[in-house]
Protein backbone atom coordinates (compact mmCIF):
# COMPACT_ATOMS: atom_id res chain seq x y z
CA UNK A 1 -16.54 25.41 -7.89
CA UNK A 2 -13.33 23.73 -8.90
CA UNK A 3 -13.80 20.53 -10.85
CA UNK A 4 -12.35 17.34 -9.50
CA UNK A 5 -8.85 16.69 -10.73
CA UNK A 6 -8.77 13.53 -12.82
CA UNK A 7 -6.14 10.89 -12.08
CA UNK A 8 -3.00 11.22 -14.15
CA UNK A 9 -0.45 8.44 -14.13
CA UNK A 10 2.86 10.28 -13.74
CA UNK A 11 5.24 7.35 -13.44
CA UNK A 12 5.31 3.59 -13.40
CA UNK A 13 8.61 2.42 -11.98
CA UNK A 14 10.93 0.54 -14.28
CA UNK A 15 11.86 -1.69 -11.36
CA UNK A 16 8.26 -2.81 -10.87
CA UNK A 17 7.88 -3.70 -14.54
CA UNK A 18 11.29 -5.39 -14.75
CA UNK A 19 10.59 -7.99 -12.08
CA UNK A 20 7.96 -10.38 -13.39
CA UNK A 21 6.97 -12.11 -10.17
CA UNK A 22 6.96 -11.32 -6.48
CA UNK A 23 10.18 -12.60 -4.93
CA UNK A 24 10.17 -15.41 -2.39
CA UNK A 25 11.87 -12.98 0.00
CA UNK A 26 8.64 -10.96 0.15
CA UNK A 27 7.16 -13.59 2.50
CA UNK A 28 9.61 -12.52 5.21
CA UNK A 29 8.95 -8.77 5.07
CA UNK A 30 8.03 -7.29 8.45
CA UNK A 31 6.93 -3.71 9.00
CA UNK A 32 5.98 -1.60 12.00
CA UNK A 33 2.42 -0.35 12.41
CA UNK A 34 1.81 2.80 14.42
CA UNK A 35 -1.71 1.71 15.37
CA UNK A 36 -0.72 -1.70 16.76
CA UNK A 37 2.71 -0.64 18.04
CA UNK A 38 4.14 -3.87 16.72
CA UNK A 39 6.28 -5.18 13.90
CA UNK A 40 4.35 -7.77 11.91
CA UNK A 41 4.44 -9.65 8.63
CA UNK A 42 3.35 -7.64 5.63
CA UNK A 43 0.63 -9.20 3.48
CA UNK A 44 -0.69 -7.08 0.58
CA UNK A 45 -4.42 -6.57 0.21
CA UNK A 46 -4.15 -7.39 -3.49
CA UNK A 47 -1.62 -10.08 -4.43
CA UNK A 48 1.36 -8.62 -6.25
CA UNK A 49 0.29 -5.03 -5.64
CA UNK A 50 0.94 -2.40 -2.97
CA UNK A 51 -1.00 0.82 -2.50
CA UNK A 52 0.78 3.61 -0.62
CA UNK A 53 -0.42 7.09 0.32
CA UNK A 54 2.19 9.41 1.82
CA UNK A 55 1.40 12.92 3.02
CA UNK A 56 3.33 15.42 0.95
CA UNK A 57 4.25 19.03 1.46
CA UNK A 58 2.24 22.06 2.48
CA UNK A 59 3.82 24.32 -0.12
CA UNK A 60 4.10 27.53 1.89
CA UNK A 61 7.88 28.07 1.56
CA UNK A 62 11.13 26.39 0.53
CA UNK A 63 11.81 22.77 1.51
CA UNK A 64 14.26 22.02 4.27
CA UNK A 65 16.16 18.85 5.09
CA UNK A 66 13.51 17.76 7.60
CA UNK A 67 10.85 17.72 4.86
CA UNK A 68 12.99 15.75 2.45
CA UNK A 69 14.00 13.12 5.02
CA UNK A 70 10.42 11.80 5.01
CA UNK A 71 10.37 11.75 1.21
CA UNK A 72 13.65 9.81 1.07
CA UNK A 73 12.53 7.41 3.81
CA UNK A 74 9.34 6.40 2.00
CA UNK A 75 11.14 6.34 -1.34
CA UNK A 76 13.36 3.61 0.11
CA UNK A 77 10.30 1.71 1.38
CA UNK A 78 8.75 1.95 -2.07
CA UNK A 79 11.95 0.86 -3.81
CA UNK A 80 12.17 -2.23 -1.60
CA UNK A 81 8.61 -3.19 -2.49
CA UNK A 82 9.53 -2.79 -6.14
CA UNK A 83 12.71 -4.85 -5.73
CA UNK A 84 10.55 -7.55 -4.15
CA UNK A 85 8.53 -7.55 -7.37
CA UNK A 86 5.39 -5.70 -6.28
CA UNK A 87 3.63 -3.23 -8.54
CA UNK A 88 3.41 -0.10 -6.39
CA UNK A 89 0.81 2.62 -6.71
CA UNK A 90 2.34 5.54 -4.83
CA UNK A 91 0.26 8.64 -4.07
CA UNK A 92 1.80 11.79 -2.57
CA UNK A 93 -0.47 14.81 -2.18
CA UNK A 94 0.26 18.52 -2.33
CA UNK A 95 -1.47 20.79 0.18
CA UNK A 96 -1.78 23.97 -1.88
CA UNK A 97 -4.32 25.86 0.23
CA UNK A 98 -3.79 26.47 3.91
CA UNK A 99 -3.81 29.29 6.47
CA UNK A 100 -0.03 29.62 6.29
CA UNK A 101 -0.05 29.81 2.50
CA UNK A 102 -2.76 32.48 2.53
CA UNK A 103 -1.09 34.54 5.26
CA UNK A 104 2.43 34.36 3.81
CA UNK A 105 1.21 35.14 0.30
CA UNK A 106 -0.63 38.20 1.59
CA UNK A 107 2.43 39.40 3.50
CA UNK A 108 4.60 38.95 0.40
CA UNK A 109 2.15 40.64 -1.95
CA UNK A 110 1.51 37.40 -3.86
CA UNK A 111 -1.57 35.56 -5.03
CA UNK A 112 -2.00 32.52 -2.77
CA UNK A 113 -2.06 30.12 -5.72
CA UNK A 114 1.05 31.79 -7.13
CA UNK A 115 2.97 31.20 -3.92
CA UNK A 116 1.78 27.61 -3.69
CA UNK A 117 2.90 26.85 -7.23
CA UNK A 118 6.33 28.47 -6.77
CA UNK A 119 7.10 26.32 -3.76
CA UNK A 120 5.50 23.20 -5.19
CA UNK A 121 8.07 23.47 -7.98
CA UNK A 122 10.86 23.91 -5.43
CA UNK A 123 9.80 20.73 -3.66
CA UNK A 124 9.64 18.87 -6.97
CA UNK A 125 13.13 20.05 -7.84
CA UNK A 126 14.42 18.92 -4.45
CA UNK A 127 12.79 15.49 -4.84
CA UNK A 128 14.27 15.07 -8.31
CA UNK A 129 17.73 16.28 -7.32
CA UNK A 130 17.86 13.80 -4.45
CA UNK A 131 16.71 10.85 -6.54
CA UNK A 132 13.19 10.47 -5.11
CA UNK A 133 11.07 8.56 -7.61
CA UNK A 134 8.08 10.52 -8.94
CA UNK A 135 4.76 9.37 -7.45
CA UNK A 136 2.26 7.47 -9.52
CA UNK A 137 -0.22 10.25 -8.73
CA UNK A 138 0.47 13.65 -7.17
CA UNK A 139 -2.91 15.30 -6.57
CA UNK A 140 -3.39 18.85 -5.29
CA UNK A 141 -5.94 19.68 -2.62
CA UNK A 142 -7.50 22.41 -4.77
CA UNK A 143 -8.21 19.85 -7.49
CA UNK A 144 -10.41 17.76 -5.20
CA UNK A 145 -12.94 20.12 -3.65
CA UNK A 146 -15.91 18.08 -4.94
CA UNK A 147 -14.42 14.92 -3.43
CA UNK A 148 -14.00 16.65 -0.07
CA UNK A 149 -17.49 18.15 -0.08
CA UNK A 150 -19.04 14.78 -0.94
CA UNK A 151 -17.07 13.10 1.84
CA UNK A 152 -18.21 15.69 4.39
CA UNK A 153 -21.83 15.12 3.30
CA UNK A 154 -21.43 11.40 3.98
CA UNK A 155 -19.95 12.05 7.42
CA UNK A 156 -22.86 14.34 8.28
CA UNK A 157 -25.44 11.91 6.89
CA UNK A 158 -23.90 9.11 8.97
CA UNK A 159 -24.35 11.18 12.13
CA UNK A 160 -20.69 11.99 12.77
CA UNK A 161 -20.51 15.63 11.74
CA UNK A 162 -22.51 18.79 12.34
CA UNK A 163 -23.00 22.14 10.60
CA UNK A 164 -22.75 25.32 12.66
CA UNK A 165 -25.61 27.74 11.91
CA UNK A 166 -26.14 31.42 12.69
CA UNK A 167 -28.97 32.93 14.74
CA UNK A 168 -31.25 32.66 11.72
CA UNK A 169 -30.52 29.00 11.19
CA UNK A 170 -28.36 29.57 8.11
CA UNK A 171 -25.15 27.55 7.66
CA UNK A 172 -22.02 29.54 8.53
CA UNK A 173 -19.53 27.46 6.58
CA UNK A 174 -18.15 25.79 9.71
CA UNK A 175 -18.54 22.01 9.89
CA UNK A 176 -17.07 19.87 12.66
CA UNK A 177 -16.44 16.19 13.19
CA UNK A 178 -18.36 14.93 16.23
CA UNK A 179 -15.68 12.99 18.12
CA UNK A 180 -18.09 11.84 20.84
CA UNK A 181 -20.13 10.03 18.18
CA UNK A 182 -17.13 7.97 17.08
CA UNK A 183 -16.11 5.48 19.82
CA UNK A 184 -12.99 4.42 17.90
CA UNK A 185 -11.35 7.85 18.14
CA UNK A 186 -7.81 7.54 19.47
CA UNK A 187 -7.07 4.07 18.12
CA UNK A 188 -4.07 5.28 16.13
CA UNK A 189 -2.22 7.26 18.80
CA UNK A 190 -3.71 6.47 22.21
CA UNK A 191 -0.38 5.34 23.65
CA UNK A 192 -1.73 4.29 27.05
CA UNK A 193 -3.73 1.52 25.41
CA UNK A 194 -0.82 -0.06 23.56
CA UNK A 195 2.50 -1.72 24.30
CA UNK A 196 5.85 -0.40 23.15
CA UNK A 197 7.52 -2.82 20.76
CA UNK A 198 11.11 -1.59 20.72
CA UNK A 199 13.50 1.26 21.49
CA UNK A 200 12.79 3.15 18.27
CA UNK A 201 9.05 3.23 18.90
CA UNK A 202 9.64 4.21 22.52
CA UNK A 203 11.56 7.29 21.39
CA UNK A 204 8.94 8.07 18.73
CA UNK A 205 6.11 7.75 21.25
CA UNK A 206 7.89 10.01 23.71
CA UNK A 207 8.50 12.73 21.11
CA UNK A 208 5.57 12.28 18.76
CA UNK A 209 2.21 13.91 19.50
CA UNK A 210 -0.69 11.65 20.46
CA UNK A 211 -4.08 11.68 22.12
CA UNK A 212 -2.30 11.31 25.46
CA UNK A 213 0.27 14.00 24.70
CA UNK A 214 -1.61 16.91 23.16
CA UNK A 215 -0.53 19.89 25.26
CA UNK A 216 0.99 22.88 23.53
CA UNK A 217 2.26 21.38 20.29
CA UNK A 218 4.98 23.73 19.04
CA UNK A 219 5.29 21.73 15.81
CA UNK A 220 1.59 21.74 14.90
CA UNK A 221 -0.03 25.00 16.05
CA UNK A 222 -3.77 24.69 16.62
CA UNK A 223 -5.96 25.67 13.68
CA UNK A 224 -7.91 28.79 14.76
CA UNK A 225 -11.09 27.10 13.51
CA UNK A 226 -10.55 24.32 16.03
CA UNK A 227 -10.61 26.84 18.90
CA UNK A 228 -14.14 28.00 18.09
CA UNK A 229 -16.69 28.17 20.89
CA UNK A 230 -19.22 26.74 18.44
CA UNK A 231 -17.79 23.24 18.85
CA UNK A 232 -19.82 20.72 20.84
CA UNK A 233 -16.72 19.11 22.32
CA UNK A 234 -13.12 20.41 22.71
CA UNK A 235 -11.91 17.35 20.78
CA UNK A 236 -14.04 18.11 17.70
CA UNK A 237 -12.09 19.27 14.63
CA UNK A 238 -12.92 21.23 11.50
CA UNK A 239 -14.05 19.41 8.37
CA UNK A 240 -14.88 22.66 6.59
CA UNK A 241 -14.38 26.20 7.82
CA UNK A 242 -15.82 29.60 7.11
CA UNK A 243 -13.40 32.06 5.50
CA UNK A 244 -11.51 34.66 7.46
CA UNK A 245 -12.21 38.28 6.53
CA UNK A 246 -8.72 38.44 5.06
CA UNK A 247 -9.17 35.39 2.81
CA UNK A 248 -9.23 36.22 -0.93
CA UNK A 249 -12.50 35.68 -2.77
CA UNK A 250 -10.89 33.00 -4.97
CA UNK A 251 -9.96 31.00 -1.86
CA UNK A 252 -13.60 30.30 -1.03
CA UNK A 253 -15.88 27.54 -2.30
CA UNK A 254 -19.68 27.39 -2.15
CA UNK A 255 -21.16 24.31 -0.47
CA UNK A 256 -24.49 23.18 1.01
CA UNK A 257 -23.05 24.00 4.44
CA UNK A 258 -21.89 27.49 3.55
CA UNK A 259 -19.01 29.25 1.82
CA UNK A 260 -15.53 28.36 2.98
CA UNK A 261 -12.58 26.07 2.47
CA UNK A 262 -11.49 22.65 3.71
CA UNK A 263 -10.09 21.81 7.10
CA UNK A 264 -6.57 20.40 7.13
CA UNK A 265 -7.40 16.71 7.50
CA UNK A 266 -10.24 16.14 5.03
CA UNK A 267 -8.12 16.44 1.87
CA UNK A 268 -6.09 13.29 2.57
CA UNK A 269 -9.20 11.23 3.30
CA UNK A 270 -10.74 12.38 0.03
CA UNK A 271 -7.66 11.89 -2.13
CA UNK A 272 -6.54 8.57 -0.68
CA UNK A 273 -10.03 7.21 -1.31
CA UNK A 274 -10.16 8.60 -4.85
CA UNK A 275 -6.85 7.14 -5.96
CA UNK A 276 -6.64 3.98 -3.85
CA UNK A 277 -10.36 3.35 -3.23
CA UNK A 278 -11.20 1.35 -0.10
CA UNK A 279 -8.62 -0.01 2.31
CA UNK A 280 -5.09 0.33 0.96
CA UNK A 281 -1.85 -1.12 2.28
CA UNK A 282 0.16 1.74 3.79
CA UNK A 283 -0.42 5.32 4.87
CA UNK A 284 2.82 7.14 5.57
CA UNK A 285 4.05 10.49 6.75
CA UNK A 286 6.30 12.27 9.19
CA UNK A 287 6.04 11.60 12.90
CA UNK A 288 4.65 15.07 13.55
CA UNK A 289 1.56 14.17 11.47
CA UNK A 290 0.61 11.25 13.70
CA UNK A 291 -1.59 13.51 15.82
CA UNK A 292 -3.82 15.29 15.15
CA UNK A 293 -3.63 14.90 11.36
CA UNK A 294 -3.59 11.13 10.94
CA UNK A 295 -5.72 10.40 13.98
CA UNK A 296 -8.40 12.71 12.63
CA UNK A 297 -7.98 11.43 9.10
CA UNK A 298 -8.49 7.82 10.20
CA UNK A 299 -11.61 8.75 12.17
CA UNK A 300 -13.31 10.78 9.44
CA UNK A 301 -12.51 8.25 6.70
CA UNK A 302 -14.06 5.41 8.65
CA UNK A 303 -16.97 7.56 9.81
CA UNK A 304 -17.75 8.27 6.16
CA UNK A 305 -18.14 4.52 5.63
CA UNK A 306 -14.76 3.70 4.09
CA UNK A 307 -11.93 1.53 5.33
CA UNK A 308 -8.78 3.32 6.37
CA UNK A 309 -5.22 2.20 5.65
CA UNK A 310 -4.28 -1.31 6.73
CA UNK A 311 -0.97 -0.07 8.16
CA UNK A 312 0.30 3.34 9.31
CA UNK A 313 4.01 4.14 9.10
CA UNK A 314 5.76 7.27 10.37
CA UNK A 315 9.27 8.49 9.70
CA UNK A 316 11.09 10.12 12.59
CA UNK A 317 12.53 13.61 12.56
CA UNK A 318 15.79 15.13 11.52
CA UNK A 319 17.11 16.71 14.69
CA UNK A 320 19.69 19.42 15.29
CA UNK A 321 21.15 19.20 18.79
CA UNK A 322 18.24 16.97 19.77
CA UNK A 323 15.54 19.38 18.60
CA UNK A 324 13.26 18.69 15.62
CA UNK A 325 14.39 20.58 12.53
CA UNK A 326 11.66 23.12 11.87
CA UNK A 327 11.31 26.55 10.31
CA UNK A 328 9.18 27.66 13.22
CA UNK A 329 12.04 26.89 15.60
CA UNK A 330 14.64 28.63 13.46
CA UNK A 331 16.89 25.60 12.90
CA UNK A 332 15.78 24.59 9.41
CA UNK A 333 18.42 23.95 6.78
CA UNK A 334 17.15 24.67 3.29
CA UNK A 335 17.82 22.03 0.66
CA UNK A 336 19.55 24.51 -1.73
CA UNK A 337 21.86 25.65 1.07
CA UNK A 338 22.88 22.10 1.94
CA UNK A 339 23.34 21.15 -1.72
CA UNK A 340 25.56 24.19 -2.26
CA UNK A 341 28.10 22.60 0.08
CA UNK A 342 27.56 18.90 -0.59
CA UNK A 343 26.80 16.63 -3.53
CA UNK A 344 23.22 15.40 -3.85
CA UNK A 345 24.34 11.75 -3.53
CA UNK A 346 26.03 12.54 -0.24
CA UNK A 347 22.96 14.39 1.07
CA UNK A 348 20.67 11.53 0.06
CA UNK A 349 22.96 8.98 1.71
CA UNK A 350 23.01 11.06 4.90
CA UNK A 351 19.21 11.40 4.95
CA UNK A 352 18.73 7.66 4.46
CA UNK A 353 21.57 6.48 6.68
CA UNK A 354 19.39 5.31 9.56
CA UNK A 355 16.16 3.34 9.75
CA UNK A 356 13.10 5.47 9.01
CA UNK A 357 11.78 5.27 12.60
CA UNK A 358 15.06 6.45 14.13
CA UNK A 359 15.77 10.10 14.80
CA UNK A 360 18.50 11.42 12.49
CA UNK A 361 20.88 13.90 14.10
CA UNK A 362 22.09 16.30 11.40
CA UNK A 363 25.64 17.59 11.70
CA UNK A 364 28.86 18.10 9.78
CA UNK A 365 29.91 14.65 10.96
CA UNK A 366 26.82 13.12 9.33
CA UNK A 367 27.83 14.61 5.99
CA UNK A 368 31.52 13.73 6.44
CA UNK A 369 30.61 10.08 6.96
CA UNK A 370 28.35 10.18 3.91
CA UNK A 371 31.17 11.61 1.78
CA UNK A 372 33.47 8.85 3.02
CA UNK A 373 30.84 6.29 2.03
CA UNK A 374 30.67 7.78 -1.46
CA UNK A 375 34.44 7.62 -1.85
CA UNK A 376 34.47 3.92 -0.90
CA UNK A 377 31.51 3.09 -3.14
CA UNK A 378 32.69 4.98 -6.21
CA UNK A 379 36.27 3.72 -5.88
CA UNK A 380 35.16 0.09 -5.85
CA UNK A 381 32.68 0.50 -8.70
CA UNK A 382 35.27 2.27 -10.85
CA UNK A 383 38.02 -0.25 -10.17
CA UNK A 384 35.77 -3.27 -10.57
CA UNK A 385 34.36 -1.94 -13.84
CA UNK A 386 37.86 -1.42 -15.19
CA UNK A 387 38.91 -4.91 -14.12
CA UNK A 388 36.03 -6.69 -15.85
CA UNK A 389 36.12 -4.60 -19.00
CA UNK A 390 33.17 -2.31 -18.44
CA UNK A 391 30.15 -1.63 -16.25
CA UNK A 392 27.10 -3.90 -16.28
CA UNK A 393 24.23 -2.07 -18.03
CA UNK A 394 21.51 -0.40 -15.98
CA UNK A 395 18.95 -2.83 -17.38
CA UNK A 396 20.81 -5.69 -15.72
CA UNK A 397 21.02 -3.88 -12.38
CA UNK A 398 17.31 -3.05 -12.42
CA UNK A 399 16.31 -6.61 -13.25
CA UNK A 400 18.00 -8.19 -10.22
CA UNK A 401 15.34 -9.69 -7.96
CA UNK A 402 15.55 -9.44 -4.20
CA UNK A 403 16.01 -13.22 -4.18
CA UNK A 404 19.36 -12.78 -5.98
CA UNK A 405 20.76 -10.23 -3.53
CA UNK A 406 23.05 -11.09 -0.58
CA UNK A 407 21.13 -12.68 2.29
CA UNK A 408 22.33 -10.17 4.90
CA UNK A 409 21.05 -7.25 2.81
CA UNK A 410 17.66 -8.90 2.24
CA UNK A 411 17.33 -9.78 5.93
CA UNK A 412 18.06 -6.18 6.94
CA UNK A 413 15.56 -4.69 4.48
CA UNK A 414 12.91 -7.20 5.50
CA UNK A 415 13.48 -6.19 9.12
CA UNK A 416 11.28 -3.07 8.94
CA UNK A 417 13.57 -1.45 6.33
CA UNK A 418 16.70 -1.52 8.48
CA UNK A 419 18.90 0.57 6.18
CA UNK A 420 21.78 0.64 8.66
CA UNK A 421 22.03 -3.15 8.38
CA UNK A 422 21.54 -2.95 4.63
CA UNK A 423 24.39 -0.44 4.30
CA UNK A 424 26.61 -2.70 6.39
CA UNK A 425 25.85 -5.52 3.94
CA UNK A 426 26.84 -3.29 1.02
CA UNK A 427 30.21 -2.46 2.55
CA UNK A 428 30.79 -6.10 3.45
CA UNK A 429 30.33 -6.90 -0.24
CA UNK A 430 32.66 -4.06 -1.22
CA UNK A 431 35.37 -5.37 1.10
CA UNK A 432 34.96 -8.82 -0.46
CA UNK A 433 35.17 -7.28 -3.92
CA UNK A 434 38.31 -5.33 -3.04
CA UNK A 435 39.92 -8.55 -1.81
CA UNK A 436 39.09 -10.27 -5.10
CA UNK A 437 40.51 -7.31 -7.02
CA UNK A 438 43.77 -7.39 -5.06
CA UNK A 439 44.26 -11.08 -5.90
CA UNK A 440 43.20 -10.81 -9.52
CA UNK A 441 46.74 -10.63 -10.88
CA UNK A 442 47.74 -13.81 -9.07
CA UNK A 443 44.76 -15.87 -10.26
CA UNK A 444 45.55 -18.39 -12.98
CA UNK A 445 41.84 -18.72 -13.77
CA UNK A 446 41.55 -15.04 -14.66
CA UNK A 447 38.21 -15.39 -16.49
CA UNK A 448 36.63 -17.09 -13.48
CA UNK A 449 38.15 -14.45 -11.21
CA UNK A 450 36.74 -11.64 -13.35
CA UNK A 451 33.31 -13.29 -13.27
CA UNK A 452 33.50 -13.33 -9.47
CA UNK A 453 34.38 -9.63 -9.40
CA UNK A 454 31.58 -8.83 -11.82
CA UNK A 455 29.05 -10.74 -9.69
CA UNK A 456 30.03 -8.68 -6.67
CA UNK A 457 29.86 -5.48 -8.72
CA UNK A 458 26.33 -6.30 -9.92
CA UNK A 459 25.19 -7.07 -6.38
CA UNK A 460 26.73 -3.90 -4.95
CA UNK A 461 25.11 -1.72 -7.57
CA UNK A 462 21.73 -3.50 -7.22
CA UNK A 463 21.81 -3.05 -3.44
CA UNK A 464 22.74 0.61 -3.84
CA UNK A 465 19.98 1.01 -6.42
CA UNK A 466 17.45 -0.36 -3.91
CA UNK A 467 18.43 2.55 -1.65
CA UNK A 468 18.34 4.98 -4.60
CA UNK A 469 22.13 5.29 -4.59
CA UNK A 470 23.55 3.51 -7.65
CA UNK A 471 26.09 6.15 -8.80
CA UNK A 472 25.58 5.09 -12.42
CA UNK A 473 21.82 5.73 -12.35
CA UNK A 474 19.91 8.97 -12.79
CA UNK A 475 20.05 11.60 -11.44
CA UNK A 476 23.65 11.01 -10.36
CA UNK A 477 25.02 10.33 -13.85
CA UNK A 478 23.61 13.54 -15.34
CA UNK A 479 24.67 15.66 -12.38
CA UNK A 480 28.33 14.69 -12.27
CA UNK A 481 30.46 12.15 -10.45
CA UNK A 482 28.69 12.44 -7.12
CA UNK A 483 25.53 14.08 -8.39
CA UNK A 484 23.83 17.32 -7.55
CA UNK A 485 24.97 20.82 -6.72
CA UNK A 486 28.51 21.14 -5.57
CA UNK A 487 29.62 18.21 -7.70
CA UNK A 488 31.41 20.49 -10.12
CA UNK A 489 33.76 21.77 -7.44
CA UNK A 490 34.37 18.28 -6.08
CA UNK A 491 35.05 17.01 -9.59
CA UNK A 492 37.52 19.80 -10.34
CA UNK A 493 39.44 19.16 -7.14
CA UNK A 494 39.47 15.42 -7.81
CA UNK A 495 40.72 15.99 -11.37
CA UNK A 496 43.58 18.21 -10.21
CA UNK A 497 44.60 15.75 -7.51
CA UNK A 498 44.32 12.84 -9.93
CA UNK A 499 46.77 14.52 -12.31
CA UNK A 500 49.31 15.10 -9.56
CA UNK A 501 49.03 11.58 -8.16
CA UNK A 502 49.06 10.01 -11.63
CA UNK A 503 52.38 11.68 -12.37
CA UNK A 504 53.78 10.12 -9.20
CA UNK A 505 52.38 6.73 -10.15
CA UNK A 506 53.94 6.94 -13.60
CA UNK A 507 57.30 7.76 -12.03
CA UNK A 508 56.85 4.85 -9.61
CA UNK A 509 56.00 2.51 -12.51
CA UNK A 510 59.19 3.57 -14.32
CA UNK A 511 61.21 2.99 -11.15
CA UNK A 512 59.79 -0.50 -10.74
CA UNK A 513 60.47 -1.25 -14.40
CA UNK A 514 64.08 -0.21 -13.84
CA UNK A 515 64.15 -2.37 -10.68
CA UNK A 516 64.75 0.75 -8.57
CA UNK A 517 62.52 -0.55 -5.80
CA UNK A 518 63.90 1.86 -3.23
CA UNK A 519 62.66 4.79 -5.31
CA UNK A 520 59.31 3.07 -5.98
CA UNK A 521 58.79 2.41 -2.27
CA UNK A 522 59.73 6.00 -1.42
CA UNK A 523 57.05 7.33 -3.78
CA UNK A 524 54.47 4.94 -2.31
CA UNK A 525 55.40 5.95 1.25
CA UNK A 526 55.26 9.67 0.43
CA UNK A 527 51.79 9.29 -1.05
CA UNK A 528 50.75 7.21 1.94
CA UNK A 529 51.93 9.93 4.31
CA UNK A 530 49.77 12.38 2.34
CA UNK A 531 46.70 10.18 2.96
CA UNK A 532 46.66 8.34 -0.37
CA UNK A 533 46.46 4.56 -0.64
CA UNK A 534 47.99 2.83 -3.68
CA UNK A 535 46.45 -0.35 -5.07
CA UNK A 536 48.40 -2.36 -7.68
CA UNK A 537 46.20 -4.22 -10.19
CA UNK A 538 46.82 -6.08 -13.47
CA UNK A 539 45.59 -2.95 -15.28
CA UNK A 540 48.00 -0.69 -13.40
CA UNK A 541 48.09 1.17 -10.10
CA UNK A 542 45.11 3.05 -8.74
CA UNK A 543 44.77 5.40 -5.81
CA UNK A 544 42.17 6.30 -3.20
CA UNK A 545 42.01 8.68 -0.28
CA UNK A 546 42.35 6.95 3.07
C-alpha cells in the first residue's frame, strides 16, 4: 500500500511576506458563493490567513486553453488576497490515477504512472510559462491512498456508506455513498432551491451541471462504477471501486473493503482535509466540476464528520463558437499550439480578460485585443522608465499594499474579482501617465513632474502585478519582451522596425534642428500614414504602433 505523501511546502509567495498587515481594503472584499448563489462579504476563518483548495488537472493528456483558464482565474484570486496582505495557503491537487489515464496509457503502450507523470510535467510547464504561481502544496492522488481509505472507513462507520459483497459475503472492492442517508445532498447545486444573484450566475446555472440538470452530461461522462446495479439508489456514487479486468496489478490497492482504487471524488475530500484540516475558506474549480464532483465531495466530507469549505467558487468555461472547449468535443486548443503563435503574456492576458464567472469566447479577436493591450502597456512602462531615469525595482512593486492602489482598481477587484473593471482602471492610469509624459518638457518643476510620472508607473506595474502581468517580473523578463514562446519572432520584427523608424526619426530631428519644419512634418505624416505614432519627449522622440 502506498504510504501517505507528506506535506511539502513548495512556495510561499513573496507578496504575502512583503505586506506586513492586512489592508483596510480587505474589509470591502465581496465574493460569489455557488452554494448560496449570492455575492457576500468575505471574512477569513483565521484572521490574516486564507486557505484555498482548487481542483487541478487529471493528467491524461496535454493541457488545453480551457484547462489553463481555470488556473489563471484562481491565480488572480490568490494574488488579490496576497495584495490585500493575507497569507495564503494554496492547494492544487493532481489526479494521477483515473479510468482515462489507465485506458489511454494501455492504448499507447505506456505504464499508467509513466503517462500521468509525462502530462503532469506538461501542465506544470504550462502553468509556469503563463505566470501561474506555484501552489503551496501540490499533492498527488496516489500519494494519499491511506487518507482516502481512512476517510471511507469514517463514512461507513457514520452510516453513510456501504460495502458491496459477493454471494459469499466477501467484500468486492465496491463501496458507495448512501445519498438517501444524507438529507443535505444537493445543497451546493440544487438550483431550484436558490435565487439567481446576477447575469453571470444565471448563465453559469444554465450551462453548468447540477442536481436539477443531470441528463446526459457530455462534459463529464458517467463513471462505469456509478452505473452498477449493486447500488441501493441511482444517486449513490462510488467511494471505492473494484478493478476492471484490464487494470494493471500496480493500479490496485488492498483495503478492508476489497482490492480496488478510489472513486473520482474521494481524493479531494481526503487531500483538502489533510492540508487545510477542518473548514477552510475557499474551494475552487471549473464550472464543469460543480456537479457531480463538488456536490459529491461536499456530501462525503461532511458525512465523514468534517466541515466542508466555507465558500465554493467556480470559473466559467472558455468557449469556441459558444461551445465549451473540450478535447472530447474536438475543439480543444493545446497550450503549446497557442503559444507557438502568441507570446505567453498575451495568452495570459486573454485568459484573464474577463471576470472568472463569465464565459470567455476564444477567437483571433481575443488574442488581437490582448496584443494591443501589451503594446500599450509596454510602451508606457518603457517611456515612463526612461523619463524618470530607470524602472522602480521589483521589491518596491511587490511591497505596494492594496490600500495604496487607485480606488477604481481596488473597487473592481473587491467586486468579486472584476478583472474587466480592474483592467479599465489600469488603462485609465496609463492614459493619465501618457498625458504627464507629453507635458514633461513644458513643466518648470521637472523634479515634481518626474515624481508624478514615477508614482503612476509604480501604480500601473503594481496593478499589473496583481493580475500576474507586470512585464518586468518573471516569467516575462526571462522569456523575452512579451514573454513565452513566439516572443523571439515578435522581438526580431520589432527590432527591425525600430531600426527603420529610428533612422526616420534621426532624419526628422536633423530637419527640425535645421528649422526645415516642412521636411520634419512630412516625415511625421509619412510615419503616421504607415500606422506609427510619434511622441516628442525631453529625452527625444519615441514611436508606437497605432
